Amino acid sequence: HIQIANPPNRFEPDNGEINYPYIFDL
């Protein structure tokens, strides 16, 4: 199981420091 949120504020995937489109593609 995987869970997602984006640091530093634990906001939605497109609001923060992680490049989620890259992760989703992988």
mmCIF file of all heavy atoms, coordinates in Angstrom:
data_MODEL
# 
_entry.id   MODEL 
# 
loop_
_atom_site.group_PDB 
_atom_site.id 
_atom_site.type_symbol 
_atom_site.label_atom_id 
_atom_site.label_alt_id 
_atom_site.label_comp_id 
_atom_site.label_asym_id 
_atom_site.label_entity_id 
_atom_site.label_seq_id 
_atom_site.pdbx_PDB_ins_code 
_atom_site.Cartn_x 
_atom_site.Cartn_y 
_atom_site.Cartn_z 
_atom_site.occupancy 
_atom_site.B_iso_or_equiv 
_atom_site.pdbx_formal_charge 
_atom_site.auth_seq_id 
_atom_site.auth_comp_id 
_atom_site.auth_asym_id 
_atom_site.auth_atom_id 
_atom_site.pdbx_PDB_model_num 
ATOM 1   N N   . HIS A 1 1  ? 0.874  -1.181 0.000   1.00 0.00 ? 1  HIS A N   1 
ATOM 2   C CA  . HIS A 1 1  ? 0.000  0.000  0.000   1.00 0.00 ? 1  HIS A CA  1 
ATOM 3   C C   . HIS A 1 1  ? 0.906  1.223  0.000   1.00 0.00 ? 1  HIS A C   1 
ATOM 4   O O   . HIS A 1 1  ? 1.959  1.223  0.653   1.00 0.00 ? 1  HIS A O   1 
ATOM 5   C CB  . HIS A 1 1  ? -0.907 0.008  1.231   1.00 0.00 ? 1  HIS A CB  1 
ATOM 6   C CG  . HIS A 1 1  ? -1.997 1.041  1.184   1.00 0.00 ? 1  HIS A CG  1 
ATOM 7   N ND1 . HIS A 1 1  ? -3.142 0.869  0.446   1.00 0.00 ? 1  HIS A ND1 1 
ATOM 8   C CD2 . HIS A 1 1  ? -2.120 2.249  1.778   1.00 0.00 ? 1  HIS A CD2 1 
ATOM 9   C CE1 . HIS A 1 1  ? -3.929 1.931  0.586   1.00 0.00 ? 1  HIS A CE1 1 
ATOM 10  N NE2 . HIS A 1 1  ? -3.325 2.788  1.387   1.00 0.00 ? 1  HIS A NE2 1 
ATOM 11  N N   . ILE A 1 2  ? 0.482  2.252  -0.728  1.00 0.00 ? 2  ILE A N   1 
ATOM 12  C CA  . ILE A 1 2  ? 1.222  3.511  -0.797  1.00 0.00 ? 2  ILE A CA  1 
ATOM 13  C C   . ILE A 1 2  ? 0.289  4.636  -0.364  1.00 0.00 ? 2  ILE A C   1 
ATOM 14  O O   . ILE A 1 2  ? -0.920 4.601  -0.635  1.00 0.00 ? 2  ILE A O   1 
ATOM 15  C CB  . ILE A 1 2  ? 1.749  3.755  -2.227  1.00 0.00 ? 2  ILE A CB  1 
ATOM 16  C CG1 . ILE A 1 2  ? 2.868  2.753  -2.548  1.00 0.00 ? 2  ILE A CG1 1 
ATOM 17  C CG2 . ILE A 1 2  ? 2.260  5.179  -2.403  1.00 0.00 ? 2  ILE A CG2 1 
ATOM 18  C CD1 . ILE A 1 2  ? 3.369  2.821  -3.975  1.00 0.00 ? 2  ILE A CD1 1 
ATOM 19  N N   . GLN A 1 3  ? 0.850  5.632  0.309   1.00 0.00 ? 3  GLN A N   1 
ATOM 20  C CA  . GLN A 1 3  ? 0.103  6.850  0.622   1.00 0.00 ? 3  GLN A CA  1 
ATOM 21  C C   . GLN A 1 3  ? 0.899  8.059  0.162   1.00 0.00 ? 3  GLN A C   1 
ATOM 22  O O   . GLN A 1 3  ? 2.128  8.009  0.057   1.00 0.00 ? 3  GLN A O   1 
ATOM 23  C CB  . GLN A 1 3  ? -0.205 6.936  2.116   1.00 0.00 ? 3  GLN A CB  1 
ATOM 24  C CG  . GLN A 1 3  ? -1.233 5.904  2.567   1.00 0.00 ? 3  GLN A CG  1 
ATOM 25  C CD  . GLN A 1 3  ? -1.486 5.924  4.055   1.00 0.00 ? 3  GLN A CD  1 
ATOM 26  O OE1 . GLN A 1 3  ? -0.575 6.105  4.852   1.00 0.00 ? 3  GLN A OE1 1 
ATOM 27  N NE2 . GLN A 1 3  ? -2.732 5.721  4.453   1.00 0.00 ? 3  GLN A NE2 1 
ATOM 28  N N   . ILE A 1 4  ? 0.180  9.157  -0.093  1.00 0.00 ? 4  ILE A N   1 
ATOM 29  C CA  . ILE A 1 4  ? 0.825  10.339 -0.653  1.00 0.00 ? 4  ILE A CA  1 
ATOM 30  C C   . ILE A 1 4  ? 0.362  11.608 0.055   1.00 0.00 ? 4  ILE A C   1 
ATOM 31  O O   . ILE A 1 4  ? -0.771 11.718 0.515   1.00 0.00 ? 4  ILE A O   1 
ATOM 32  C CB  . ILE A 1 4  ? 0.556  10.475 -2.168  1.00 0.00 ? 4  ILE A CB  1 
ATOM 33  C CG1 . ILE A 1 4  ? -0.956 10.526 -2.457  1.00 0.00 ? 4  ILE A CG1 1 
ATOM 34  C CG2 . ILE A 1 4  ? 1.227  9.346  -2.943  1.00 0.00 ? 4  ILE A CG2 1 
ATOM 35  C CD1 . ILE A 1 4  ? -1.290 10.822 -3.917  1.00 0.00 ? 4  ILE A CD1 1 
ATOM 36  N N   . ALA A 1 5  ? 1.283  12.559 0.123   1.00 0.00 ? 5  ALA A N   1 
ATOM 37  C CA  . ALA A 1 5  ? 1.057  13.943 0.528   1.00 0.00 ? 5  ALA A CA  1 
ATOM 38  C C   . ALA A 1 5  ? 2.358  14.659 0.206   1.00 0.00 ? 5  ALA A C   1 
ATOM 39  O O   . ALA A 1 5  ? 3.383  14.019 -0.045  1.00 0.00 ? 5  ALA A O   1 
ATOM 40  C CB  . ALA A 1 5  ? 0.722  14.057 2.016   1.00 0.00 ? 5  ALA A CB  1 
ATOM 41  N N   . ASN A 1 6  ? 2.327  15.986 0.201   1.00 0.00 ? 6  ASN A N   1 
ATOM 42  C CA  . ASN A 1 6  ? 3.507  16.731 -0.241  1.00 0.00 ? 6  ASN A CA  1 
ATOM 43  C C   . ASN A 1 6  ? 4.060  17.614 0.872   1.00 0.00 ? 6  ASN A C   1 
ATOM 44  O O   . ASN A 1 6  ? 3.361  18.491 1.369   1.00 0.00 ? 6  ASN A O   1 
ATOM 45  C CB  . ASN A 1 6  ? 3.166  17.582 -1.470  1.00 0.00 ? 6  ASN A CB  1 
ATOM 46  C CG  . ASN A 1 6  ? 4.344  17.701 -2.424  1.00 0.00 ? 6  ASN A CG  1 
ATOM 47  O OD1 . ASN A 1 6  ? 5.497  17.678 -2.007  1.00 0.00 ? 6  ASN A OD1 1 
ATOM 48  N ND2 . ASN A 1 6  ? 4.046  17.820 -3.706  1.00 0.00 ? 6  ASN A ND2 1 
ATOM 49  N N   . PRO A 1 7  ? 5.314  17.366 1.297   1.00 0.00 ? 7  PRO A N   1 
ATOM 50  C CA  . PRO A 1 7  ? 5.954  18.258 2.247   1.00 0.00 ? 7  PRO A CA  1 
ATOM 51  C C   . PRO A 1 7  ? 6.168  19.651 1.616   1.00 0.00 ? 7  PRO A C   1 
ATOM 52  O O   . PRO A 1 7  ? 6.176  19.752 0.386   1.00 0.00 ? 7  PRO A O   1 
ATOM 53  C CB  . PRO A 1 7  ? 7.302  17.590 2.520   1.00 0.00 ? 7  PRO A CB  1 
ATOM 54  C CG  . PRO A 1 7  ? 7.179  16.197 1.989   1.00 0.00 ? 7  PRO A CG  1 
ATOM 55  C CD  . PRO A 1 7  ? 6.168  16.258 0.889   1.00 0.00 ? 7  PRO A CD  1 
ATOM 56  N N   . PRO A 1 8  ? 6.344  20.680 2.421   1.00 0.00 ? 8  PRO A N   1 
ATOM 57  C CA  . PRO A 1 8  ? 6.508  20.625 3.870   1.00 0.00 ? 8  PRO A CA  1 
ATOM 58  C C   . PRO A 1 8  ? 5.193  20.687 4.656   1.00 0.00 ? 8  PRO A C   1 
ATOM 59  O O   . PRO A 1 8  ? 5.199  20.444 5.858   1.00 0.00 ? 8  PRO A O   1 
ATOM 60  C CB  . PRO A 1 8  ? 7.343  21.878 4.163   1.00 0.00 ? 8  PRO A CB  1 
ATOM 61  C CG  . PRO A 1 8  ? 6.908  22.848 3.098   1.00 0.00 ? 8  PRO A CG  1 
ATOM 62  C CD  . PRO A 1 8  ? 6.658  22.019 1.867   1.00 0.00 ? 8  PRO A CD  1 
ATOM 63  N N   . ASN A 1 9  ? 4.073  20.994 3.996   1.00 0.00 ? 9  ASN A N   1 
ATOM 64  C CA  . ASN A 1 9  ? 2.822  21.226 4.720   1.00 0.00 ? 9  ASN A CA  1 
ATOM 65  C C   . ASN A 1 9  ? 1.848  20.056 4.690   1.00 0.00 ? 9  ASN A C   1 
ATOM 66  O O   . ASN A 1 9  ? 0.749  20.146 5.203   1.00 0.00 ? 9  ASN A O   1 
ATOM 67  C CB  . ASN A 1 9  ? 2.120  22.467 4.152   1.00 0.00 ? 9  ASN A CB  1 
ATOM 68  C CG  . ASN A 1 9  ? 2.933  23.717 4.339   1.00 0.00 ? 9  ASN A CG  1 
ATOM 69  O OD1 . ASN A 1 9  ? 3.421  23.995 5.420   1.00 0.00 ? 9  ASN A OD1 1 
ATOM 70  N ND2 . ASN A 1 9  ? 3.129  24.469 3.241   1.00 0.00 ? 9  ASN A ND2 1 
ATOM 71  N N   . ARG A 1 10 ? 2.245  18.963 4.085   1.00 0.00 ? 10 ARG A N   1 
ATOM 72  C CA  . ARG A 1 10 ? 1.397  17.777 3.916   1.00 0.00 ? 10 ARG A CA  1 
ATOM 73  C C   . ARG A 1 10 ? 0.161  18.088 3.066   1.00 0.00 ? 10 ARG A C   1 
ATOM 74  O O   . ARG A 1 10 ? -0.913 17.555 3.271   1.00 0.00 ? 10 ARG A O   1 
ATOM 75  C CB  . ARG A 1 10 ? 0.976  17.179 5.262   1.00 0.00 ? 10 ARG A CB  1 
ATOM 76  C CG  . ARG A 1 10 ? 0.633  15.699 5.154   1.00 0.00 ? 10 ARG A CG  1 
ATOM 77  C CD  . ARG A 1 10 ? 0.436  15.037 6.507   1.00 0.00 ? 10 ARG A CD  1 
ATOM 78  N NE  . ARG A 1 10 ? 0.224  13.607 6.341   1.00 0.00 ? 10 ARG A NE  1 
ATOM 79  C CZ  . ARG A 1 10 ? 0.161  12.733 7.336   1.00 0.00 ? 10 ARG A CZ  1 
ATOM 80  N NH1 . ARG A 1 10 ? 0.283  13.136 8.584   1.00 0.00 ? 10 ARG A NH1 1 
ATOM 81  N NH2 . ARG A 1 10 ? -0.028 11.462 7.081   1.00 0.00 ? 10 ARG A NH2 1 
ATOM 82  N N   . PHE A 1 11 ? 0.357  18.957 2.068   1.00 0.00 ? 11 PHE A N   1 
ATOM 83  C CA  . PHE A 1 11 ? -0.719 19.338 1.178   1.00 0.00 ? 11 PHE A CA  1 
ATOM 84  C C   . PHE A 1 11 ? -0.850 18.325 0.035   1.00 0.00 ? 11 PHE A C   1 
ATOM 85  O O   . PHE A 1 11 ? -0.187 17.295 -0.001  1.00 0.00 ? 11 PHE A O   1 
ATOM 86  C CB  . PHE A 1 11 ? -0.472 20.732 0.605   1.00 0.00 ? 11 PHE A CB  1 
ATOM 87  C CG  . PHE A 1 11 ? -0.710 21.864 1.588   1.00 0.00 ? 11 PHE A CG  1 
ATOM 88  C CD1 . PHE A 1 11 ? -0.160 23.116 1.342   1.00 0.00 ? 11 PHE A CD1 1 
ATOM 89  C CD2 . PHE A 1 11 ? -1.477 21.697 2.732   1.00 0.00 ? 11 PHE A CD2 1 
ATOM 90  C CE1 . PHE A 1 11 ? -0.376 24.168 2.216   1.00 0.00 ? 11 PHE A CE1 1 
ATOM 91  C CE2 . PHE A 1 11 ? -1.700 22.745 3.621   1.00 0.00 ? 11 PHE A CE2 1 
ATOM 92  C CZ  . PHE A 1 11 ? -1.143 23.981 3.353   1.00 0.00 ? 11 PHE A CZ  1 
ATOM 93  N N   . GLU A 1 12 ? -1.730 18.666 -0.930  1.00 0.00 ? 12 GLU A N   1 
ATOM 94  C CA  . GLU A 1 12 ? -2.003 17.832 -2.092  1.00 0.00 ? 12 GLU A CA  1 
ATOM 95  C C   . GLU A 1 12 ? -0.730 17.632 -2.927  1.00 0.00 ? 12 GLU A C   1 
ATOM 96  O O   . GLU A 1 12 ? 0.231  18.400 -2.816  1.00 0.00 ? 12 GLU A O   1 
ATOM 97  C CB  . GLU A 1 12 ? -3.103 18.458 -2.947  1.00 0.00 ? 12 GLU A CB  1 
ATOM 98  C CG  . GLU A 1 12 ? -2.859 19.898 -3.353  1.00 0.00 ? 12 GLU A CG  1 
ATOM 99  C CD  . GLU A 1 12 ? -3.347 20.913 -2.318  1.00 0.00 ? 12 GLU A CD  1 
ATOM 100 O OE1 . GLU A 1 12 ? -3.724 20.515 -1.195  1.00 0.00 ? 12 GLU A OE1 1 
ATOM 101 O OE2 . GLU A 1 12 ? -3.345 22.119 -2.668  1.00 0.00 ? 12 GLU A OE2 1 
ATOM 102 N N   . PRO A 1 13 ? -0.705 16.601 -3.785  1.00 0.00 ? 13 PRO A N   1 
ATOM 103 C CA  . PRO A 1 13 ? 0.522  16.235 -4.502  1.00 0.00 ? 13 PRO A CA  1 
ATOM 104 C C   . PRO A 1 13 ? 1.134  17.333 -5.366  1.00 0.00 ? 13 PRO A C   1 
ATOM 105 O O   . PRO A 1 13 ? 2.356  17.309 -5.587  1.00 0.00 ? 13 PRO A O   1 
ATOM 106 C CB  . PRO A 1 13 ? 0.085  15.038 -5.355  1.00 0.00 ? 13 PRO A CB  1 
ATOM 107 C CG  . PRO A 1 13 ? -0.997 14.411 -4.560  1.00 0.00 ? 13 PRO A CG  1 
ATOM 108 C CD  . PRO A 1 13 ? -1.747 15.560 -3.941  1.00 0.00 ? 13 PRO A CD  1 
ATOM 109 N N   . ASP A 1 14 ? 0.349  18.262 -5.867  1.00 0.00 ? 14 ASP A N   1 
ATOM 110 C CA  . ASP A 1 14 ? 0.931  19.304 -6.715  1.00 0.00 ? 14 ASP A CA  1 
ATOM 111 C C   . ASP A 1 14 ? 1.213  20.590 -5.938  1.00 0.00 ? 14 ASP A C   1 
ATOM 112 O O   . ASP A 1 14 ? 1.351  21.667 -6.533  1.00 0.00 ? 14 ASP A O   1 
ATOM 113 C CB  . ASP A 1 14 ? 0.034  19.597 -7.927  1.00 0.00 ? 14 ASP A CB  1 
ATOM 114 C CG  . ASP A 1 14 ? -1.377 20.021 -7.543  1.00 0.00 ? 14 ASP A CG  1 
ATOM 115 O OD1 . ASP A 1 14 ? -1.712 19.997 -6.337  1.00 0.00 ? 14 ASP A OD1 1 
ATOM 116 O OD2 . ASP A 1 14 ? -2.158 20.364 -8.454  1.00 0.00 ? 14 ASP A OD2 1 
ATOM 117 N N   . ASN A 1 15 ? 1.343  20.497 -4.626  1.00 0.00 ? 15 ASN A N   1 
ATOM 118 C CA  . ASN A 1 15 ? 1.573  21.678 -3.796  1.00 0.00 ? 15 ASN A CA  1 
ATOM 119 C C   . ASN A 1 15 ? 2.644  21.341 -2.755  1.00 0.00 ? 15 ASN A C   1 
ATOM 120 O O   . ASN A 1 15 ? 2.349  20.994 -1.621  1.00 0.00 ? 15 ASN A O   1 
ATOM 121 C CB  . ASN A 1 15 ? 0.268  22.096 -3.114  1.00 0.00 ? 15 ASN A CB  1 
ATOM 122 C CG  . ASN A 1 15 ? 0.386  23.412 -2.366  1.00 0.00 ? 15 ASN A CG  1 
ATOM 123 O OD1 . ASN A 1 15 ? 1.479  23.910 -2.140  1.00 0.00 ? 15 ASN A OD1 1 
ATOM 124 N ND2 . ASN A 1 15 ? -0.749 23.952 -1.962  1.00 0.00 ? 15 ASN A ND2 1 
ATOM 125 N N   . GLY A 1 16 ? 3.919  21.406 -3.194  1.00 0.00 ? 16 GLY A N   1 
ATOM 126 C CA  . GLY A 1 16 ? 5.000  21.092 -2.273  1.00 0.00 ? 16 GLY A CA  1 
ATOM 127 C C   . GLY A 1 16 ? 6.275  20.744 -2.996  1.00 0.00 ? 16 GLY A C   1 
ATOM 128 O O   . GLY A 1 16 ? 6.446  21.012 -4.181  1.00 0.00 ? 16 GLY A O   1 
ATOM 129 N N   . GLU A 1 17 ? 7.185  20.086 -2.285  1.00 0.00 ? 17 GLU A N   1 
ATOM 130 C CA  . GLU A 1 17 ? 8.542  19.910 -2.784  1.00 0.00 ? 17 GLU A CA  1 
ATOM 131 C C   . GLU A 1 17 ? 8.759  18.652 -3.606  1.00 0.00 ? 17 GLU A C   1 
ATOM 132 O O   . GLU A 1 17 ? 9.782  18.520 -4.280  1.00 0.00 ? 17 GLU A O   1 
ATOM 133 C CB  . GLU A 1 17 ? 9.517  19.902 -1.602  1.00 0.00 ? 17 GLU A CB  1 
ATOM 134 C CG  . GLU A 1 17 ? 9.358  18.730 -0.660  1.00 0.00 ? 17 GLU A CG  1 
ATOM 135 C CD  . GLU A 1 17 ? 10.155 18.893 0.629   1.00 0.00 ? 17 GLU A CD  1 
ATOM 136 O OE1 . GLU A 1 17 ? 10.203 20.006 1.163   1.00 0.00 ? 17 GLU A OE1 1 
ATOM 137 O OE2 . GLU A 1 17 ? 10.738 17.890 1.079   1.00 0.00 ? 17 GLU A OE2 1 
ATOM 138 N N   . ILE A 1 18 ? 7.820  17.692 -3.588  1.00 0.00 ? 18 ILE A N   1 
ATOM 139 C CA  . ILE A 1 18 ? 8.008  16.428 -4.303  1.00 0.00 ? 18 ILE A CA  1 
ATOM 140 C C   . ILE A 1 18 ? 7.436  16.522 -5.718  1.00 0.00 ? 18 ILE A C   1 
ATOM 141 O O   . ILE A 1 18 ? 6.330  17.044 -5.916  1.00 0.00 ? 18 ILE A O   1 
ATOM 142 C CB  . ILE A 1 18 ? 7.327  15.265 -3.552  1.00 0.00 ? 18 ILE A CB  1 
ATOM 143 C CG1 . ILE A 1 18 ? 7.963  15.064 -2.180  1.00 0.00 ? 18 ILE A CG1 1 
ATOM 144 C CG2 . ILE A 1 18 ? 7.414  13.972 -4.354  1.00 0.00 ? 18 ILE A CG2 1 
ATOM 145 C CD1 . ILE A 1 18 ? 7.270  14.012 -1.328  1.00 0.00 ? 18 ILE A CD1 1 
ATOM 146 N N   . ASN A 1 19 ? 8.167  15.991 -6.681  1.00 0.00 ? 19 ASN A N   1 
ATOM 147 C CA  . ASN A 1 19 ? 7.723  15.948 -8.081  1.00 0.00 ? 19 ASN A CA  1 
ATOM 148 C C   . ASN A 1 19 ? 6.878  14.686 -8.284  1.00 0.00 ? 19 ASN A C   1 
ATOM 149 O O   . ASN A 1 19 ? 7.368  13.657 -8.752  1.00 0.00 ? 19 ASN A O   1 
ATOM 150 C CB  . ASN A 1 19 ? 8.940  15.957 -9.007  1.00 0.00 ? 19 ASN A CB  1 
ATOM 151 C CG  . ASN A 1 19 ? 8.547  15.906 -10.478 1.00 0.00 ? 19 ASN A CG  1 
ATOM 152 O OD1 . ASN A 1 19 ? 7.379  16.008 -10.834 1.00 0.00 ? 19 ASN A OD1 1 
ATOM 153 N ND2 . ASN A 1 19 ? 9.533  15.730 -11.344 1.00 0.00 ? 19 ASN A ND2 1 
ATOM 154 N N   . TYR A 1 20 ? 5.601  14.772 -7.928  1.00 0.00 ? 20 TYR A N   1 
ATOM 155 C CA  . TYR A 1 20 ? 4.751  13.587 -7.994  1.00 0.00 ? 20 TYR A CA  1 
ATOM 156 C C   . TYR A 1 20 ? 4.497  13.075 -9.413  1.00 0.00 ? 20 TYR A C   1 
ATOM 157 O O   . TYR A 1 20 ? 4.393  11.857 -9.604  1.00 0.00 ? 20 TYR A O   1 
ATOM 158 C CB  . TYR A 1 20 ? 3.444  13.824 -7.250  1.00 0.00 ? 20 TYR A CB  1 
ATOM 159 C CG  . TYR A 1 20 ? 3.524  13.389 -5.798  1.00 0.00 ? 20 TYR A CG  1 
ATOM 160 C CD1 . TYR A 1 20 ? 3.613  14.312 -4.776  1.00 0.00 ? 20 TYR A CD1 1 
ATOM 161 C CD2 . TYR A 1 20 ? 3.543  12.047 -5.456  1.00 0.00 ? 20 TYR A CD2 1 
ATOM 162 C CE1 . TYR A 1 20 ? 3.712  13.915 -3.442  1.00 0.00 ? 20 TYR A CE1 1 
ATOM 163 C CE2 . TYR A 1 20 ? 3.638  11.630 -4.135  1.00 0.00 ? 20 TYR A CE2 1 
ATOM 164 C CZ  . TYR A 1 20 ? 3.719  12.565 -3.131  1.00 0.00 ? 20 TYR A CZ  1 
ATOM 165 O OH  . TYR A 1 20 ? 3.819  12.159 -1.825  1.00 0.00 ? 20 TYR A OH  1 
ATOM 166 N N   . PRO A 1 21 ? 4.360  13.909 -10.436 1.00 0.00 ? 21 PRO A N   1 
ATOM 167 C CA  . PRO A 1 21 ? 4.189  13.325 -11.778 1.00 0.00 ? 21 PRO A CA  1 
ATOM 168 C C   . PRO A 1 21 ? 5.295  12.334 -12.137 1.00 0.00 ? 21 PRO A C   1 
ATOM 169 O O   . PRO A 1 21 ? 5.031  11.286 -12.733 1.00 0.00 ? 21 PRO A O   1 
ATOM 170 C CB  . PRO A 1 21 ? 4.200  14.561 -12.695 1.00 0.00 ? 21 PRO A CB  1 
ATOM 171 C CG  . PRO A 1 21 ? 3.634  15.646 -11.838 1.00 0.00 ? 21 PRO A CG  1 
ATOM 172 C CD  . PRO A 1 21 ? 4.198  15.373 -10.458 1.00 0.00 ? 21 PRO A CD  1 
ATOM 173 N N   . TYR A 1 22 ? 6.515  12.647 -11.746 1.00 0.00 ? 22 TYR A N   1 
ATOM 174 C CA  . TYR A 1 22 ? 7.626  11.725 -12.002 1.00 0.00 ? 22 TYR A CA  1 
ATOM 175 C C   . TYR A 1 22 ? 7.423  10.418 -11.244 1.00 0.00 ? 22 TYR A C   1 
ATOM 176 O O   . TYR A 1 22 ? 7.617  9.320  -11.784 1.00 0.00 ? 22 TYR A O   1 
ATOM 177 C CB  . TYR A 1 22 ? 8.936  12.392 -11.588 1.00 0.00 ? 22 TYR A CB  1 
ATOM 178 C CG  . TYR A 1 22 ? 10.164 11.551 -11.852 1.00 0.00 ? 22 TYR A CG  1 
ATOM 179 C CD1 . TYR A 1 22 ? 10.801 11.585 -13.092 1.00 0.00 ? 22 TYR A CD1 1 
ATOM 180 C CD2 . TYR A 1 22 ? 10.681 10.712 -10.869 1.00 0.00 ? 22 TYR A CD2 1 
ATOM 181 C CE1 . TYR A 1 22 ? 11.921 10.806 -13.343 1.00 0.00 ? 22 TYR A CE1 1 
ATOM 182 C CE2 . TYR A 1 22 ? 11.797 9.924  -11.105 1.00 0.00 ? 22 TYR A CE2 1 
ATOM 183 C CZ  . TYR A 1 22 ? 12.424 9.981  -12.340 1.00 0.00 ? 22 TYR A CZ  1 
ATOM 184 O OH  . TYR A 1 22 ? 13.520 9.202  -12.591 1.00 0.00 ? 22 TYR A OH  1 
ATOM 185 N N   . ILE A 1 23 ? 7.007  10.519 -9.986  1.00 0.00 ? 23 ILE A N   1 
ATOM 186 C CA  . ILE A 1 23 ? 6.789  9.317  -9.171  1.00 0.00 ? 23 ILE A CA  1 
ATOM 187 C C   . ILE A 1 23 ? 5.638  8.483  -9.730  1.00 0.00 ? 23 ILE A C   1 
ATOM 188 O O   . ILE A 1 23 ? 5.731  7.254  -9.827  1.00 0.00 ? 23 ILE A O   1 
ATOM 189 C CB  . ILE A 1 23 ? 6.541  9.713  -7.708  1.00 0.00 ? 23 ILE A CB  1 
ATOM 190 C CG1 . ILE A 1 23 ? 7.833  10.276 -7.104  1.00 0.00 ? 23 ILE A CG1 1 
ATOM 191 C CG2 . ILE A 1 23 ? 6.036  8.516  -6.897  1.00 0.00 ? 23 ILE A CG2 1 
ATOM 192 C CD1 . ILE A 1 23 ? 7.661  10.863 -5.721  1.00 0.00 ? 23 ILE A CD1 1 
ATOM 193 N N   . PHE A 1 24 ? 4.549  9.139  -10.106 1.00 0.00 ? 24 PHE A N   1 
ATOM 194 C CA  . PHE A 1 24 ? 3.414  8.394  -10.656 1.00 0.00 ? 24 PHE A CA  1 
ATOM 195 C C   . PHE A 1 24 ? 3.811  7.666  -11.939 1.00 0.00 ? 24 PHE A C   1 
ATOM 196 O O   . PHE A 1 24 ? 3.415  6.512  -12.156 1.00 0.00 ? 24 PHE A O   1 
ATOM 197 C CB  . PHE A 1 24 ? 2.248  9.337  -10.931 1.00 0.00 ? 24 PHE A CB  1 
ATOM 198 C CG  . PHE A 1 24 ? 1.630  9.946  -9.697  1.00 0.00 ? 24 PHE A CG  1 
ATOM 199 C CD1 . PHE A 1 24 ? 0.974  11.167 -9.768  1.00 0.00 ? 24 PHE A CD1 1 
ATOM 200 C CD2 . PHE A 1 24 ? 1.684  9.312  -8.471  1.00 0.00 ? 24 PHE A CD2 1 
ATOM 201 C CE1 . PHE A 1 24 ? 0.394  11.728 -8.645  1.00 0.00 ? 24 PHE A CE1 1 
ATOM 202 C CE2 . PHE A 1 24 ? 1.110  9.856  -7.325  1.00 0.00 ? 24 PHE A CE2 1 
ATOM 203 C CZ  . PHE A 1 24 ? 0.457  11.074 -7.418  1.00 0.00 ? 24 PHE A CZ  1 
ATOM 204 N N   . ASP A 1 25 ? 4.570  8.323  -12.782 1.00 0.00 ? 25 ASP A N   1 
ATOM 205 C CA  . ASP A 1 25 ? 5.026  7.667  -14.018 1.00 0.00 ? 25 ASP A CA  1 
ATOM 206 C C   . ASP A 1 25 ? 5.862  6.438  -13.695 1.00 0.00 ? 25 ASP A C   1 
ATOM 207 O O   . ASP A 1 25 ? 5.731  5.384  -14.344 1.00 0.00 ? 25 ASP A O   1 
ATOM 208 C CB  . ASP A 1 25 ? 5.848  8.646  -14.869 1.00 0.00 ? 25 ASP A CB  1 
ATOM 209 C CG  . ASP A 1 25 ? 4.986  9.679  -15.574 1.00 0.00 ? 25 ASP A CG  1 
ATOM 210 O OD1 . ASP A 1 25 ? 3.750  9.512  -15.614 1.00 0.00 ? 25 ASP A OD1 1 
ATOM 211 O OD2 . ASP A 1 25 ? 5.556  10.676 -16.069 1.00 0.00 ? 25 ASP A OD2 1 
ATOM 212 N N   . LEU A 1 26 ? 6.727  6.551  -12.706 1.00 0.00 ? 26 LEU A N   1 
ATOM 213 C CA  . LEU A 1 26 ? 7.568  5.422  -12.334 1.00 0.00 ? 26 LEU A CA  1 
ATOM 214 C C   . LEU A 1 26 ? 6.742  4.275  -11.762 1.00 0.00 ? 26 LEU A C   1 
ATOM 215 O O   . LEU A 1 26 ? 6.951  3.113  -12.113 1.00 0.00 ? 26 LEU A O   1 
ATOM 216 C CB  . LEU A 1 26 ? 8.613  5.854  -11.315 1.00 0.00 ? 26 LEU A CB  1 
ATOM 217 C CG  . LEU A 1 26 ? 9.492  4.695  -10.833 1.00 0.00 ? 26 LEU A CG  1 
ATOM 218 C CD1 . LEU A 1 26 ? 10.949 4.925  -11.168 1.00 0.00 ? 26 LEU A CD1 1 
ATOM 219 C CD2 . LEU A 1 26 ? 9.328  4.457  -9.337  1.00 0.00 ? 26 LEU A CD2 1 
# 
